[in-house]
Amino acid sequence: MVGCLGVDTTTKTLAGLLAKAKAFNDEGITAFIYSGGYDVPPVTLTGSVRTDMLMVPEVIGAGEVAIADARSTAPTLDQLDRLVRDAYVGGLLSRKCGITHFHVGDEPGRLSLLRSLIDERSIAPALLYPTHVERNEALMLEAIELSRRGVTVDVDTVERDLPHWLKFYSDNGGDLQRMTVSSDAALNSPATVLSQLRECILQHRHPFDMVLALATANTATVLKLDAKGRLAPGMDADVLLLDARSLDVRVVIARGRRLVEDGRLCQHEAFLHNSNREVTLHGRQ
C-alpha cells in the first residue's frame, strides 16, 4: 500500500502518516508513503521531497498534488516543473520510483498541466501519475491519450463503476499496461478494490489476467517495486489465493507471513493483544 496526505495537511501530518506506514511494515504488510499533499510547495519531513526520499526509506515519491481542483493551491507550471524534477532526482539518489502522484479534480483544466510538463518542459511521461481520471468522459479521454504517451493513470473505486470505465478505457484505445486501480481509502474500504475487480471478471467477463494486473503488476511497474506484483522466483512472498469460482479471499500471505487462512484472519495487530477491541474480516464467506 502507498499512503498520502490529501487536502488536509494541517491537522494531518507526514510524521503521523510515516508512523502508520512503519506500523504496517512491522506487521508484515509492505507500506510506503508520498511526501507532500495537495499543497504546492509541498509539506515535507526534512525540508524537501528530495531529502525525504533520500533519508526516509518509506518515502518513494511526491504527492498527492492537487490540480484542476478548487481545493488546490493553483500551482503554476514552473512550480510543478520544480516539484517533479525534485522527486525525480530524489528517486535517482535513493533508487526509488521518484514519481509525482496527482489528484485530478473536476475543473475544466483537467490534465492540461501534465501535457504542458511533457510538451514544454520535457518531463518524462513515466514520472507523472494522475488519479481520479474517471470523473467524466472528457477527462478519461485525456487520460487515455496520455497513457499512449507513457503516463500511467489511476482509477479510484469510490463510485463502484470500474467495469464501465475499464470498458470505456479499452474501447478508446487506452494502454492497459498503463492503468491502475486504487481505493481512495479515506472514503472507501480497500475491500472495494477487490469487489470491483471481481465484478469486472465475473459479471462483465473481462480477462482475468488483464483485470488482476490493474492492482498487481501494473502498480508494481509504475512504482518500480521490482520484487512485487507477480509470482516468480526471487520475488517477495506476497500471495493472494482466491476461490476459483467466487473469487472470494481464501488465503493471504504477506512477505511470507500467513495473515488469512480459509477466509479467516489468523493474525492480529500487536496493539490488539492486550485490548478488548475486535477485528472482523468483512466479505463474502
C-alpha atoms as a PDB file:
ATOM      1  CA  MET A   1       0.000   0.000   0.000  1.00  0.00           C
ATOM      2  CA  VAL A   2       1.019   3.616  -0.544  1.00  0.00           C
ATOM      3  CA  GLY A   3      -0.356   6.338   1.713  1.00  0.00           C
ATOM      4  CA  CYS A   4      -0.531  10.068   1.132  1.00  0.00           C
ATOM      5  CA  LEU A   5      -1.907  13.246   2.629  1.00  0.00           C
ATOM      6  CA  GLY A   6      -4.768  14.866   0.732  1.00  0.00           C
ATOM      7  CA  VAL A   7      -6.351  18.248   1.190  1.00  0.00           C
ATOM      8  CA  ASP A   8      -5.728  18.342   4.959  1.00  0.00           C
ATOM      9  CA  THR A   9      -2.020  18.946   5.510  1.00  0.00           C
ATOM     10  CA  THR A  10      -2.716  20.940   8.684  1.00  0.00           C
ATOM     11  CA  THR A  11      -4.317  18.586  11.202  1.00  0.00           C
ATOM     12  CA  LYS A  12      -2.902  15.512   9.486  1.00  0.00           C
ATOM     13  CA  THR A  13       0.871  15.258   9.310  1.00  0.00           C
ATOM     14  CA  LEU A  14       3.510  13.428   7.325  1.00  0.00           C
ATOM     15  CA  ALA A  15       5.035  12.257  10.598  1.00  0.00           C
ATOM     16  CA  GLY A  16       1.751  10.594  11.530  1.00  0.00           C
ATOM     17  CA  LEU A  17       1.444   9.060   8.067  1.00  0.00           C
ATOM     18  CA  LEU A  18       5.000   7.762   8.268  1.00  0.00           C
ATOM     19  CA  ALA A  19       4.327   6.236  11.685  1.00  0.00           C
ATOM     20  CA  LYS A  20       1.342   4.362  10.267  1.00  0.00           C
ATOM     21  CA  ALA A  21       3.413   3.051   7.353  1.00  0.00           C
ATOM     22  CA  LYS A  22       6.100   1.866   9.753  1.00  0.00           C
ATOM     23  CA  ALA A  23       3.447   0.096  11.825  1.00  0.00           C
ATOM     24  CA  PHE A  24       2.121  -1.741   8.765  1.00  0.00           C
ATOM     25  CA  ASN A  25       5.640  -2.760   7.750  1.00  0.00           C
ATOM     26  CA  ASP A  26       6.296  -4.017  11.264  1.00  0.00           C
ATOM     27  CA  GLU A  27       3.188  -6.219  10.979  1.00  0.00           C
ATOM     28  CA  GLY A  28       4.414  -7.645   7.653  1.00  0.00           C
ATOM     29  CA  ILE A  29       2.369  -5.580   5.182  1.00  0.00           C
ATOM     30  CA  THR A  30       4.564  -3.558   2.821  1.00  0.00           C
ATOM     31  CA  ALA A  31       3.726   0.142   3.056  1.00  0.00           C
ATOM     32  CA  PHE A  32       5.151   3.329   1.540  1.00  0.00           C
ATOM     33  CA  ILE A  33       4.175   6.999   1.508  1.00  0.00           C
ATOM     34  CA  TYR A  34       4.406  10.051  -0.731  1.00  0.00           C
ATOM     35  CA  SER A  35       5.934  13.274   0.547  1.00  0.00           C
ATOM     36  CA  GLY A  36       3.632  16.302   0.317  1.00  0.00           C
ATOM     37  CA  GLY A  37      -0.113  16.597  -0.140  1.00  0.00           C
ATOM     38  CA  TYR A  38      -2.465  18.826  -2.116  1.00  0.00           C
ATOM     39  CA  ASP A  39      -0.266  21.863  -1.427  1.00  0.00           C
ATOM     40  CA  VAL A  40       2.490  23.318  -3.592  1.00  0.00           C
ATOM     41  CA  PRO A  41       5.104  23.988  -2.238  1.00  0.00           C
ATOM     42  CA  PRO A  42       4.716  20.604  -0.522  1.00  0.00           C
ATOM     43  CA  VAL A  43       4.841  19.843   3.175  1.00  0.00           C
ATOM     44  CA  THR A  44       7.837  17.608   3.892  1.00  0.00           C
ATOM     45  CA  LEU A  45       9.604  15.806   6.717  1.00  0.00           C
ATOM     46  CA  THR A  46      13.134  17.096   6.144  1.00  0.00           C
ATOM     47  CA  GLY A  47      12.746  20.293   4.147  1.00  0.00           C
ATOM     48  CA  SER A  48      12.385  18.912   0.615  1.00  0.00           C
ATOM     49  CA  VAL A  49      10.887  15.984  -1.260  1.00  0.00           C
ATOM     50  CA  ARG A  50      14.375  15.039  -2.428  1.00  0.00           C
ATOM     51  CA  THR A  51      15.838  14.695   1.049  1.00  0.00           C
ATOM     52  CA  ASP A  52      12.684  12.962   2.307  1.00  0.00           C
ATOM     53  CA  MET A  53      13.231  10.296  -0.328  1.00  0.00           C
ATOM     54  CA  LEU A  54      16.936  10.031   0.399  1.00  0.00           C
ATOM     55  CA  MET A  55      16.667   9.891   4.188  1.00  0.00           C
ATOM     56  CA  VAL A  56      13.369   8.066   4.781  1.00  0.00           C
ATOM     57  CA  PRO A  57      13.076   4.527   3.374  1.00  0.00           C
ATOM     58  CA  GLU A  58       9.269   4.627   3.195  1.00  0.00           C
ATOM     59  CA  VAL A  59       9.083   7.788   1.028  1.00  0.00           C
ATOM     60  CA  ILE A  60       9.053   6.823  -2.662  1.00  0.00           C
ATOM     61  CA  GLY A  61       7.775   9.954  -4.434  1.00  0.00           C
ATOM     62  CA  ALA A  62       5.777  13.172  -4.187  1.00  0.00           C
ATOM     63  CA  GLY A  63       2.039  13.653  -3.845  1.00  0.00           C
ATOM     64  CA  GLU A  64      -0.878  13.726  -3.767  1.00  0.00           C
ATOM     65  CA  VAL A  65      -0.563  17.082  -5.589  1.00  0.00           C
ATOM     66  CA  ALA A  66      -3.935  18.631  -6.477  1.00  0.00           C
ATOM     67  CA  ILE A  67      -4.571  20.068  -9.937  1.00  0.00           C
ATOM     68  CA  ALA A  68      -7.803  21.187 -11.622  1.00  0.00           C
ATOM     69  CA  ASP A  69      -9.455  21.310  -8.204  1.00  0.00           C
ATOM     70  CA  ALA A  70     -10.924  24.164  -6.157  1.00  0.00           C
ATOM     71  CA  ARG A  71      -9.082  22.830  -3.101  1.00  0.00           C
ATOM     72  CA  SER A  72      -5.673  23.011  -4.767  1.00  0.00           C
ATOM     73  CA  THR A  73      -3.178  25.843  -4.274  1.00  0.00           C
ATOM     74  CA  ALA A  74      -3.422  26.529  -8.033  1.00  0.00           C
ATOM     75  CA  PRO A  75       0.188  25.526  -8.762  1.00  0.00           C
ATOM     76  CA  THR A  76       1.884  27.118 -11.743  1.00  0.00           C
ATOM     77  CA  LEU A  77       3.693  25.184 -14.431  1.00  0.00           C
ATOM     78  CA  ASP A  78       7.037  26.404 -13.053  1.00  0.00           C
ATOM     79  CA  GLN A  79       6.155  25.154  -9.571  1.00  0.00           C
ATOM     80  CA  LEU A  80       5.108  21.732 -10.828  1.00  0.00           C
ATOM     81  CA  ASP A  81       8.203  21.501 -13.008  1.00  0.00           C
ATOM     82  CA  ARG A  82      10.450  22.061  -9.975  1.00  0.00           C
ATOM     83  CA  LEU A  83       8.485  19.615  -7.833  1.00  0.00           C
ATOM     84  CA  VAL A  84       8.505  16.812 -10.410  1.00  0.00           C
ATOM     85  CA  ARG A  85      12.223  17.263 -11.025  1.00  0.00           C
ATOM     86  CA  ASP A  86      12.950  17.248  -7.289  1.00  0.00           C
ATOM     87  CA  ALA A  87      11.081  13.955  -6.913  1.00  0.00           C
ATOM     88  CA  TYR A  88      12.892  12.555  -9.954  1.00  0.00           C
ATOM     89  CA  VAL A  89      16.327  13.402  -8.573  1.00  0.00           C
ATOM     90  CA  GLY A  90      15.287  12.022  -5.199  1.00  0.00           C
ATOM     91  CA  GLY A  91      14.449   8.794  -6.978  1.00  0.00           C
ATOM     92  CA  LEU A  92      17.825   8.681  -8.686  1.00  0.00           C
ATOM     93  CA  LEU A  93      19.667   9.208  -5.409  1.00  0.00           C
ATOM     94  CA  SER A  94      17.612   6.685  -3.437  1.00  0.00           C
ATOM     95  CA  ARG A  95      16.885   4.134  -6.189  1.00  0.00           C
ATOM     96  CA  LYS A  96      13.134   4.668  -5.892  1.00  0.00           C
ATOM     97  CA  CYS A  97      10.450   5.443  -8.459  1.00  0.00           C
ATOM     98  CA  GLY A  98      10.604   9.228  -7.972  1.00  0.00           C
ATOM     99  CA  ILE A  99       7.140   9.766  -9.419  1.00  0.00           C
ATOM    100  CA  THR A 100       4.745  12.604  -8.651  1.00  0.00           C
ATOM    101  CA  HIS A 101       1.210  11.492  -7.863  1.00  0.00           C
ATOM    102  CA  PHE A 102      -1.523  13.938  -8.922  1.00  0.00           C
ATOM    103  CA  HIS A 103      -5.046  14.325  -7.579  1.00  0.00           C
ATOM    104  CA  VAL A 104      -7.140  15.485 -10.551  1.00  0.00           C
ATOM    105  CA  GLY A 105     -10.310  17.436  -9.779  1.00  0.00           C
ATOM    106  CA  ASP A 106     -13.300  18.313 -11.937  1.00  0.00           C
ATOM    107  CA  GLU A 107     -12.280  21.797 -13.117  1.00  0.00           C
ATOM    108  CA  PRO A 108     -12.046  22.436 -16.882  1.00  0.00           C
ATOM    109  CA  GLY A 109      -8.229  22.444 -16.923  1.00  0.00           C
ATOM    110  CA  ARG A 110      -8.259  18.658 -16.436  1.00  0.00           C
ATOM    111  CA  LEU A 111      -4.823  17.300 -17.463  1.00  0.00           C
ATOM    112  CA  SER A 112      -3.551  20.345 -19.372  1.00  0.00           C
ATOM    113  CA  LEU A 113      -0.765  20.998 -16.840  1.00  0.00           C
ATOM    114  CA  LEU A 114       0.535  17.464 -17.247  1.00  0.00           C
ATOM    115  CA  ARG A 115       0.559  17.793 -21.029  1.00  0.00           C
ATOM    116  CA  SER A 116       2.469  21.053 -20.655  1.00  0.00           C
ATOM    117  CA  LEU A 117       5.048  19.390 -18.423  1.00  0.00           C
ATOM    118  CA  ILE A 118       5.666  16.818 -21.151  1.00  0.00           C
ATOM    119  CA  ASP A 119       5.472  19.092 -24.185  1.00  0.00           C
ATOM    120  CA  GLU A 120       7.011  22.309 -22.880  1.00  0.00           C
ATOM    121  CA  ARG A 121       9.321  21.151 -20.095  1.00  0.00           C
ATOM    122  CA  SER A 122      10.486  17.778 -21.464  1.00  0.00           C
ATOM    123  CA  ILE A 123       9.344  15.878 -18.380  1.00  0.00           C
ATOM    124  CA  ALA A 124       9.350  12.107 -18.958  1.00  0.00           C
ATOM    125  CA  PRO A 125       5.752  10.824 -19.057  1.00  0.00           C
ATOM    126  CA  ALA A 126       6.634   7.940 -16.739  1.00  0.00           C
ATOM    127  CA  LEU A 127       7.253  10.422 -13.894  1.00  0.00           C
ATOM    128  CA  LEU A 128       3.608  11.573 -13.837  1.00  0.00           C
ATOM    129  CA  TYR A 129       0.895   9.506 -12.145  1.00  0.00           C
ATOM    130  CA  PRO A 130      -2.594  11.101 -12.095  1.00  0.00           C
ATOM    131  CA  THR A 131      -5.519   9.598 -10.175  1.00  0.00           C
ATOM    132  CA  HIS A 132      -9.329  10.071 -10.219  1.00  0.00           C
ATOM    133  CA  VAL A 133      -9.255  10.219 -14.033  1.00  0.00           C
ATOM    134  CA  GLU A 134     -12.697   8.572 -14.229  1.00  0.00           C
ATOM    135  CA  ARG A 135     -14.651  11.689 -13.143  1.00  0.00           C
ATOM    136  CA  ASN A 136     -16.116  12.178 -16.629  1.00  0.00           C
ATOM    137  CA  GLU A 137     -15.599  11.073 -20.222  1.00  0.00           C
ATOM    138  CA  ALA A 138     -13.691  14.207 -21.275  1.00  0.00           C
ATOM    139  CA  LEU A 139     -11.152  13.665 -18.508  1.00  0.00           C
ATOM    140  CA  MET A 140     -10.879   9.962 -19.248  1.00  0.00           C
ATOM    141  CA  LEU A 141     -10.239  10.636 -22.935  1.00  0.00           C
ATOM    142  CA  GLU A 142      -7.375  12.951 -21.987  1.00  0.00           C
ATOM    143  CA  ALA A 143      -6.045  10.263 -19.645  1.00  0.00           C
ATOM    144  CA  ILE A 144      -6.226   7.688 -22.438  1.00  0.00           C
ATOM    145  CA  GLU A 145      -4.215   9.968 -24.719  1.00  0.00           C
ATOM    146  CA  LEU A 146      -1.559  10.395 -22.017  1.00  0.00           C
ATOM    147  CA  SER A 147      -1.446   6.632 -21.390  1.00  0.00           C
ATOM    148  CA  ARG A 148      -0.473   6.138 -25.025  1.00  0.00           C
ATOM    149  CA  ARG A 149       2.403   8.568 -24.407  1.00  0.00           C
ATOM    150  CA  GLY A 150       3.697   6.632 -21.401  1.00  0.00           C
ATOM    151  CA  VAL A 151       1.793   8.103 -18.440  1.00  0.00           C
ATOM    152  CA  THR A 152       0.290   5.586 -16.007  1.00  0.00           C
ATOM    153  CA  VAL A 153      -3.211   6.686 -14.955  1.00  0.00           C
ATOM    154  CA  ASP A 154      -5.220   5.598 -11.941  1.00  0.00           C
ATOM    155  CA  VAL A 155      -8.944   4.977 -11.444  1.00  0.00           C
ATOM    156  CA  ASP A 156     -10.421   5.012  -7.942  1.00  0.00           C
ATOM    157  CA  THR A 157     -13.264   2.711  -6.906  1.00  0.00           C
ATOM    158  CA  VAL A 158     -15.284   5.149  -4.779  1.00  0.00           C
ATOM    159  CA  GLU A 159     -18.238   5.259  -7.197  1.00  0.00           C
ATOM    160  CA  ARG A 160     -18.056   1.496  -7.787  1.00  0.00           C
ATOM    161  CA  ASP A 161     -18.125   1.966 -11.554  1.00  0.00           C
ATOM    162  CA  LEU A 162     -14.831   0.337 -12.531  1.00  0.00           C
ATOM    163  CA  PRO A 163     -16.442  -2.048 -15.076  1.00  0.00           C
ATOM    164  CA  HIS A 164     -17.849   0.903 -17.017  1.00  0.00           C
ATOM    165  CA  TRP A 165     -14.587   2.843 -17.064  1.00  0.00           C
ATOM    166  CA  LEU A 166     -12.452  -0.191 -17.839  1.00  0.00           C
ATOM    167  CA  LYS A 167     -14.562  -0.848 -20.931  1.00  0.00           C
ATOM    168  CA  PHE A 168     -14.504   2.837 -21.915  1.00  0.00           C
ATOM    169  CA  TYR A 169     -10.732   2.953 -21.472  1.00  0.00           C
ATOM    170  CA  SER A 170     -10.205  -0.204 -23.509  1.00  0.00           C
ATOM    171  CA  ASP A 171     -12.694   0.707 -26.260  1.00  0.00           C
ATOM    172  CA  ASN A 172     -10.993   4.077 -26.767  1.00  0.00           C
ATOM    173  CA  GLY A 173      -7.500   2.683 -27.112  1.00  0.00           C
ATOM    174  CA  GLY A 174      -6.056   3.179 -23.636  1.00  0.00           C
ATOM    175  CA  ASP A 175      -2.830   1.339 -22.871  1.00  0.00           C
ATOM    176  CA  LEU A 176      -3.996  -1.398 -20.479  1.00  0.00           C
ATOM    177  CA  GLN A 177      -0.490  -1.732 -19.044  1.00  0.00           C
ATOM    178  CA  ARG A 178      -0.666   1.949 -18.064  1.00  0.00           C
ATOM    179  CA  MET A 179      -3.806   1.771 -15.909  1.00  0.00           C
ATOM    180  CA  THR A 180      -4.082   1.023 -12.195  1.00  0.00           C
ATOM    181  CA  VAL A 181      -6.906   0.839  -9.660  1.00  0.00           C
ATOM    182  CA  SER A 182      -6.884   2.270  -6.130  1.00  0.00           C
ATOM    183  CA  SER A 183      -9.211   2.520  -3.148  1.00  0.00           C
ATOM    184  CA  ASP A 184      -9.028   6.215  -2.166  1.00  0.00           C
ATOM    185  CA  ALA A 185      -9.158   4.651   1.282  1.00  0.00           C
ATOM    186  CA  ALA A 186     -10.138   7.795   3.169  1.00  0.00           C
ATOM    187  CA  LEU A 187     -13.596   7.326   1.631  1.00  0.00           C
ATOM    188  CA  ASN A 188     -13.752   3.643   0.761  1.00  0.00           C
ATOM    189  CA  SER A 189     -12.613   0.417   2.306  1.00  0.00           C
ATOM    190  CA  PRO A 190      -9.732  -1.193   0.400  1.00  0.00           C
ATOM    191  CA  ALA A 191     -12.063  -4.196   0.119  1.00  0.00           C
ATOM    192  CA  THR A 192     -13.898  -2.233  -2.567  1.00  0.00           C
ATOM    193  CA  VAL A 193     -10.939  -2.716  -4.897  1.00  0.00           C
ATOM    194  CA  LEU A 194     -11.305  -6.492  -4.758  1.00  0.00           C
ATOM    195  CA  SER A 195     -15.085  -6.353  -5.117  1.00  0.00           C
ATOM    196  CA  GLN A 196     -14.745  -4.145  -8.199  1.00  0.00           C
ATOM    197  CA  LEU A 197     -12.135  -6.395  -9.764  1.00  0.00           C
ATOM    198  CA  ARG A 198     -14.403  -9.354  -9.036  1.00  0.00           C
ATOM    199  CA  GLU A 199     -17.314  -7.603 -10.758  1.00  0.00           C
ATOM    200  CA  CYS A 200     -15.207  -6.872 -13.846  1.00  0.00           C
ATOM    201  CA  ILE A 201     -14.307 -10.555 -14.157  1.00  0.00           C
ATOM    202  CA  LEU A 202     -17.435 -12.406 -13.079  1.00  0.00           C
ATOM    203  CA  GLN A 203     -20.191 -10.116 -14.346  1.00  0.00           C
ATOM    204  CA  HIS A 204     -18.567  -8.290 -17.256  1.00  0.00           C
ATOM    205  CA  ARG A 205     -16.256 -11.065 -18.462  1.00  0.00           C
ATOM    206  CA  HIS A 206     -13.080  -9.018 -18.726  1.00  0.00           C
ATOM    207  CA  PRO A 207     -10.000 -11.292 -18.939  1.00  0.00           C
ATOM    208  CA  PHE A 208      -8.805 -12.373 -15.508  1.00  0.00           C
ATOM    209  CA  ASP A 209      -5.106 -11.691 -16.090  1.00  0.00           C
ATOM    210  CA  MET A 210      -5.764  -8.214 -17.512  1.00  0.00           C
ATOM    211  CA  VAL A 211      -8.007  -7.213 -14.601  1.00  0.00           C
ATOM    212  CA  LEU A 212      -5.685  -8.644 -11.963  1.00  0.00           C
ATOM    213  CA  ALA A 213      -2.748  -6.641 -13.354  1.00  0.00           C
ATOM    214  CA  LEU A 214      -4.590  -3.389 -12.587  1.00  0.00           C
ATOM    215  CA  ALA A 215      -3.874  -3.934  -8.877  1.00  0.00           C
ATOM    216  CA  THR A 216      -0.694  -6.016  -9.065  1.00  0.00           C
ATOM    217  CA  ALA A 217       1.791  -5.944 -11.953  1.00  0.00           C
ATOM    218  CA  ASN A 218       0.833  -2.509 -13.309  1.00  0.00           C
ATOM    219  CA  THR A 219       1.067  -0.934  -9.863  1.00  0.00           C
ATOM    220  CA  ALA A 220       4.429  -2.532  -9.142  1.00  0.00           C
ATOM    221  CA  THR A 221       5.733  -1.318 -12.507  1.00  0.00           C
ATOM    222  CA  VAL A 222       4.813   2.354 -12.088  1.00  0.00           C
ATOM    223  CA  LEU A 223       6.182   2.344  -8.518  1.00  0.00           C
ATOM    224  CA  LYS A 224       9.339   0.487  -9.619  1.00  0.00           C
ATOM    225  CA  LEU A 225       8.862  -2.174  -6.965  1.00  0.00           C
ATOM    226  CA  ASP A 226      10.795  -4.887  -8.758  1.00  0.00           C
ATOM    227  CA  ALA A 227      10.097  -7.584  -6.151  1.00  0.00           C
ATOM    228  CA  LYS A 228       6.339  -7.017  -6.187  1.00  0.00           C
ATOM    229  CA  GLY A 229       3.370  -7.575  -8.480  1.00  0.00           C
ATOM    230  CA  ARG A 230       3.892 -11.081  -9.799  1.00  0.00           C
ATOM    231  CA  LEU A 231       4.718 -14.616  -8.729  1.00  0.00           C
ATOM    232  CA  ALA A 232       8.234 -15.683  -9.730  1.00  0.00           C
ATOM    233  CA  PRO A 233      11.457 -16.953  -8.141  1.00  0.00           C
ATOM    234  CA  GLY A 234      13.180 -14.269  -6.104  1.00  0.00           C
ATOM    235  CA  MET A 235      10.088 -12.094  -5.688  1.00  0.00           C
ATOM    236  CA  ASP A 236       8.573 -11.138  -2.337  1.00  0.00           C
ATOM    237  CA  ALA A 237       6.295 -13.831  -0.935  1.00  0.00           C
ATOM    238  CA  ASP A 238       3.098 -11.809  -1.301  1.00  0.00           C
ATOM    239  CA  VAL A 239       0.391 -14.277  -2.292  1.00  0.00           C
ATOM    240  CA  LEU A 240      -3.378 -13.949  -2.547  1.00  0.00           C
ATOM    241  CA  LEU A 241      -5.378 -17.138  -3.092  1.00  0.00           C
ATOM    242  CA  LEU A 242      -8.945 -16.702  -4.342  1.00  0.00           C
ATOM    243  CA  ASP A 243     -11.792 -19.163  -4.723  1.00  0.00           C
ATOM    244  CA  ALA A 244     -11.784 -20.221  -8.384  1.00  0.00           C
ATOM    245  CA  ARG A 245     -15.496 -19.546  -8.895  1.00  0.00           C
ATOM    246  CA  SER A 246     -16.445 -16.745  -6.500  1.00  0.00           C
ATOM    247  CA  LEU A 247     -13.031 -15.012  -6.307  1.00  0.00           C
ATOM    248  CA  ASP A 248     -13.518 -14.707  -2.542  1.00  0.00           C
ATOM    249  CA  VAL A 249     -10.346 -14.417  -0.481  1.00  0.00           C
ATOM    250  CA  ARG A 250      -9.176 -17.748   0.915  1.00  0.00           C
ATOM    251  CA  VAL A 251      -5.511 -17.168   1.848  1.00  0.00           C
ATOM    252  CA  VAL A 252      -3.346 -14.057   2.237  1.00  0.00           C
ATOM    253  CA  ILE A 253       0.420 -14.320   2.635  1.00  0.00           C
ATOM    254  CA  ALA A 254       2.345 -11.063   3.088  1.00  0.00           C
ATOM    255  CA  ARG A 255       6.144 -11.186   2.842  1.00  0.00           C
ATOM    256  CA  GLY A 256       6.000 -14.863   3.694  1.00  0.00           C
ATOM    257  CA  ARG A 257       3.714 -14.415   6.698  1.00  0.00           C
ATOM    258  CA  ARG A 258       0.285 -16.049   6.560  1.00  0.00           C
ATOM    259  CA  LEU A 259      -2.363 -13.473   7.565  1.00  0.00           C
ATOM    260  CA  VAL A 260      -5.572 -15.137   6.324  1.00  0.00           C
ATOM    261  CA  GLU A 261      -6.310 -18.859   6.295  1.00  0.00           C
ATOM    262  CA  ASP A 262      -9.523 -20.418   4.953  1.00  0.00           C
ATOM    263  CA  GLY A 263     -11.020 -16.949   4.607  1.00  0.00           C
ATOM    264  CA  ARG A 264     -10.411 -16.048   8.256  1.00  0.00           C
ATOM    265  CA  LEU A 265      -7.883 -13.745   9.880  1.00  0.00           C
ATOM    266  CA  CYS A 266      -5.202 -15.741  11.639  1.00  0.00           C
ATOM    267  CA  GLN A 267      -3.062 -12.785  12.712  1.00  0.00           C
ATOM    268  CA  HIS A 268      -3.976  -9.587  14.536  1.00  0.00           C
ATOM    269  CA  GLU A 269      -2.139  -6.311  15.017  1.00  0.00           C
ATOM    270  CA  ALA A 270       0.181  -6.297  18.002  1.00  0.00           C
ATOM    271  CA  PHE A 271      -1.694  -3.450  19.693  1.00  0.00           C
ATOM    272  CA  LEU A 272      -4.773  -5.706  19.956  1.00  0.00           C
ATOM    273  CA  HIS A 273      -3.045  -8.322  22.110  1.00  0.00           C
ATOM    274  CA  ASN A 274      -3.951  -6.549  25.343  1.00  0.00           C
ATOM    275  CA  SER A 275      -7.117  -4.909  24.071  1.00  0.00           C
ATOM    276  CA  ASN A 276     -10.791  -5.863  24.054  1.00  0.00           C
ATOM    277  CA  ARG A 277     -11.221  -4.418  20.556  1.00  0.00           C
ATOM    278  CA  GLU A 278     -12.186  -6.891  17.851  1.00  0.00           C
ATOM    279  CA  VAL A 279     -11.336  -7.033  14.139  1.00  0.00           C
ATOM    280  CA  THR A 280     -13.580  -8.820  11.661  1.00  0.00           C
ATOM    281  CA  LEU A 281     -12.733  -9.630   8.039  1.00  0.00           C
ATOM    282  CA  HIS A 282     -15.724  -8.490   6.005  1.00  0.00           C
ATOM    283  CA  GLY A 283     -16.588 -10.080   2.678  1.00  0.00           C
ATOM    284  CA  ARG A 284     -18.487 -12.928   1.090  1.00  0.00           C
ATOM    285  CA  GLN A 285     -17.582 -16.068   3.010  1.00  0.00           C
END
